[in-house]
Structures are given as C-alpha cells and as structure tokens.
Protein backbone atom coordinates (compact mmCIF):
# COMPACT_ATOMS: atom_id res chain seq x y z
CA MET A 1 0.00 0.00 0.00
CA LEU A 2 1.48 3.36 -0.98
CA VAL A 3 0.45 6.44 1.04
CA VAL A 4 1.22 9.78 -0.55
CA PRO A 5 1.47 12.87 1.68
CA LEU A 6 -1.15 15.59 1.34
CA LEU A 7 0.30 18.38 -0.83
CA ALA A 8 -2.55 20.93 -0.66
CA ALA A 9 -1.95 23.92 1.60
CA VAL A 10 -4.30 23.99 4.57
CA PRO A 11 -4.80 27.35 6.37
CA SER A 12 -4.12 27.47 10.09
CA PRO A 13 -7.02 28.29 12.44
CA VAL A 14 -7.50 31.90 13.54
CA LYS A 15 -5.66 32.78 16.78
CA ILE A 16 -8.04 33.48 19.68
CA ASP A 17 -6.83 35.21 22.83
CA THR A 18 -8.60 33.88 25.90
CA HIS A 19 -8.18 35.02 29.48
CA PRO A 20 -8.86 32.97 32.59
CA PRO A 21 -12.31 33.51 34.10
CA LEU A 22 -12.63 35.98 36.95
CA CYS A 23 -13.71 34.57 40.26
CA CYS A 24 -16.92 36.39 41.19
CA THR A 25 -17.78 34.46 44.34
CA LEU A 26 -16.40 35.39 47.74
CA ARG A 27 -14.26 32.91 49.56
CA PRO A 28 -14.97 32.05 53.21
CA GLU A 29 -12.71 33.45 55.91
CA ALA A 30 -9.86 31.27 57.08
CA MET A 31 -10.85 29.07 59.99
CA SER A 32 -8.63 27.13 62.33
CA GLN A 33 -9.91 24.02 63.98
CA ARG A 34 -8.21 21.99 66.59
CA ALA A 35 -8.00 18.25 66.27
CA PRO A 36 -10.72 16.41 68.19
CA ARG A 37 -9.86 15.20 71.63
CA PRO A 38 -8.82 11.54 71.72
CA LEU A 39 -11.35 9.08 73.08
CA VAL A 40 -8.66 7.27 75.08
CA PRO A 41 -5.69 8.94 76.81
CA LEU A 42 -2.47 8.78 74.80
CA PRO A 43 0.35 6.62 76.22
CA THR A 44 3.04 8.46 78.17
CA VAL A 45 6.57 8.58 76.78
CA MET A 46 8.97 6.46 78.81
CA LEU A 47 12.67 6.01 78.18
CA THR A 48 13.85 2.45 78.75
CA ASP A 49 17.57 1.63 78.89
CA PRO A 50 18.69 -1.58 77.15
CA LEU A 51 19.21 -4.66 79.30
CA ARG A 52 22.63 -5.30 80.79
CA PRO A 53 24.67 -8.14 79.22
CA ALA A 54 24.50 -11.47 81.02
CA VAL A 55 28.31 -11.69 81.28
CA GLU A 56 30.83 -9.21 82.52
CA ALA A 57 32.65 -7.12 79.96
CA PRO A 58 36.22 -8.21 79.18
CA VAL A 59 38.97 -6.37 80.97
CA PRO A 60 40.98 -4.29 78.47
CA LYS A 61 44.65 -5.30 78.22
CA SER A 62 47.58 -3.35 76.93
CA ARG A 63 50.56 -5.40 75.79
CA PRO A 64 53.76 -4.13 74.13
CA PRO A 65 54.70 -5.64 70.72
CA GLU A 66 56.72 -8.86 70.73
CA PHE A 67 59.61 -7.48 68.70
CA PRO A 68 61.32 -4.14 69.11
CA ALA A 69 60.47 -1.55 66.44
CA LEU A 70 63.98 -1.51 64.88
CA ALA A 71 64.54 -5.27 64.58
CA GLN A 72 64.47 -6.69 61.04
CA PRO A 73 62.71 -10.04 60.49
CA LEU A 74 64.79 -12.93 59.17
CA LEU A 75 64.28 -14.01 55.58
CA LYS A 76 62.86 -17.51 55.45
CA ILE A 77 63.22 -19.59 52.32
CA LYS A 78 61.18 -22.75 51.96
CA HIS A 79 61.75 -25.22 49.17
CA PRO A 80 58.84 -27.29 47.82
CA LEU A 81 58.45 -30.76 49.24
CA ASP A 82 59.50 -33.76 47.17
CA PRO A 83 56.54 -35.64 45.70
CA ASP A 84 55.50 -38.84 47.40
CA ALA A 85 56.61 -42.10 45.87
CA PRO A 86 53.91 -43.87 43.80
CA GLU A 87 51.99 -46.58 45.61
CA PHE A 88 52.80 -49.21 43.01
CA ALA A 89 56.21 -49.54 41.40
CA ASP A 90 54.72 -51.20 38.28
CA ARG A 91 53.62 -48.78 35.59
CA THR A 92 50.28 -49.49 33.96
CA ARG A 93 49.95 -49.13 30.21
CA ILE A 94 46.59 -49.36 28.48
CA CYS A 95 46.60 -49.77 24.70
CA PRO A 96 43.66 -48.57 22.62
CA LEU A 97 41.16 -51.09 21.23
CA VAL A 98 42.19 -51.92 17.65
CA GLU A 99 39.53 -54.53 16.82
CA ASP A 100 37.08 -53.81 14.03
CA VAL A 101 33.61 -53.21 15.36
CA PRO A 102 30.80 -53.39 12.79
CA SER A 103 28.60 -50.33 12.44
CA PRO A 104 24.88 -50.73 13.19
CA ALA A 105 22.60 -51.56 10.27
CA ARG A 106 21.34 -48.52 8.36
CA MET A 107 17.64 -47.87 8.70
CA GLU A 108 15.60 -45.77 6.31
CA ILE A 109 12.82 -43.90 8.09
CA ILE A 110 10.16 -42.12 6.06
CA PRO A 111 8.40 -39.13 7.64
CA PRO A 112 4.76 -39.68 8.58
CA VAL A 113 2.01 -38.78 6.12
CA PHE A 114 -0.91 -36.77 7.50
CA ASP A 115 -4.38 -38.11 6.79
CA THR A 116 -6.04 -34.71 7.00
CA LEU A 117 -5.72 -32.26 4.14
CA LEU A 118 -4.53 -28.75 4.85
CA PRO A 119 -6.65 -25.85 3.56
CA GLU A 120 -5.44 -24.05 0.49
CA THR A 121 -3.73 -20.76 1.13
CA GLU A 122 -5.93 -17.76 0.66
CA GLN A 123 -4.90 -14.24 -0.23
CA SER A 124 -7.06 -11.55 1.22
CA GLU A 125 -7.01 -7.85 0.50
CA PRO A 126 -6.75 -5.25 3.27
CA PRO A 127 -10.06 -3.87 4.56
CA THR A 128 -11.51 -0.84 2.85
CA PRO A 129 -10.69 2.40 4.71
CA LEU A 130 -13.42 4.24 6.59
CA VAL A 131 -12.14 7.60 5.34
CA PRO A 132 -11.26 8.19 1.67
CA LEU A 133 -7.55 8.10 1.01
CA PRO A 134 -5.80 11.20 -0.39
CA THR A 135 -5.27 11.15 -4.13
CA LYS A 136 -2.65 12.74 -6.32
CA THR A 137 -3.75 16.02 -7.92
C-alpha cells in the first residue's frame, strides 16, 4: 500500500486570545480548627535503657609488641616438598582397542504422512478504509 502525503496547503485556524475567568464568588474566611480530643488517653513517653549483658565485659589489656620496632625479620626460604613415591612400582599401560567393530545396520525412516488435508492458502485484501484516502492532484 502506498500512502502519498497531502500536498494541498491547509490554512491554520485563527488565533483566539482567551483570558482565565474571573472569580466572582467570595471565599470564606480562614478558619482554624483543633484536632478532636482523643477518646482514650495517649500513652506516656517512657525512656527504657537496654538490658545489661548477662556476662561481665572483658577487661581491656595493653601489651607491648613482641619485637622491638627496629629489629628486622629474618628471611625464610622454603623449598617445595618432594613428591610422594607412587603406591605401586609397576607402571600401567593401556593400549587402545584396535579390533574392528561393525557399524549398526542402516535404517531408512520415512516421515509420517498426515491423513487430513490442509486448507489451500488464501490471499485476502486489506479492509476498505473508513475515510477516503488522499489522491494525487
């Protein structure tokens, strides 16, 4: 479907200046109302300290460092450990299977045939527009 743009010049609508309507009714005076009294007395605010721990707090200790501040640590070099000896001294060698193994028999499988016939394909045109389409002039 090919839609061609409308090429005819269409005039813009006339500009109309409108102002907001004036409020002619008087507004009521400002009133302040207090909230209604509660039916039940409000609970009083009480500060509750948290419960004490069940055990005594640890006594803080201050201990000087083990080494003096100017002492240099010794360089330690560790070599890797030697691997453990194998459990069995005999080495195992497994050779691949060289025997000829016959392949399975080839089977020809035909796809199933449907008993029901499919409807023929239909080509339908788009619905007719409700408004006439623009034409070239």
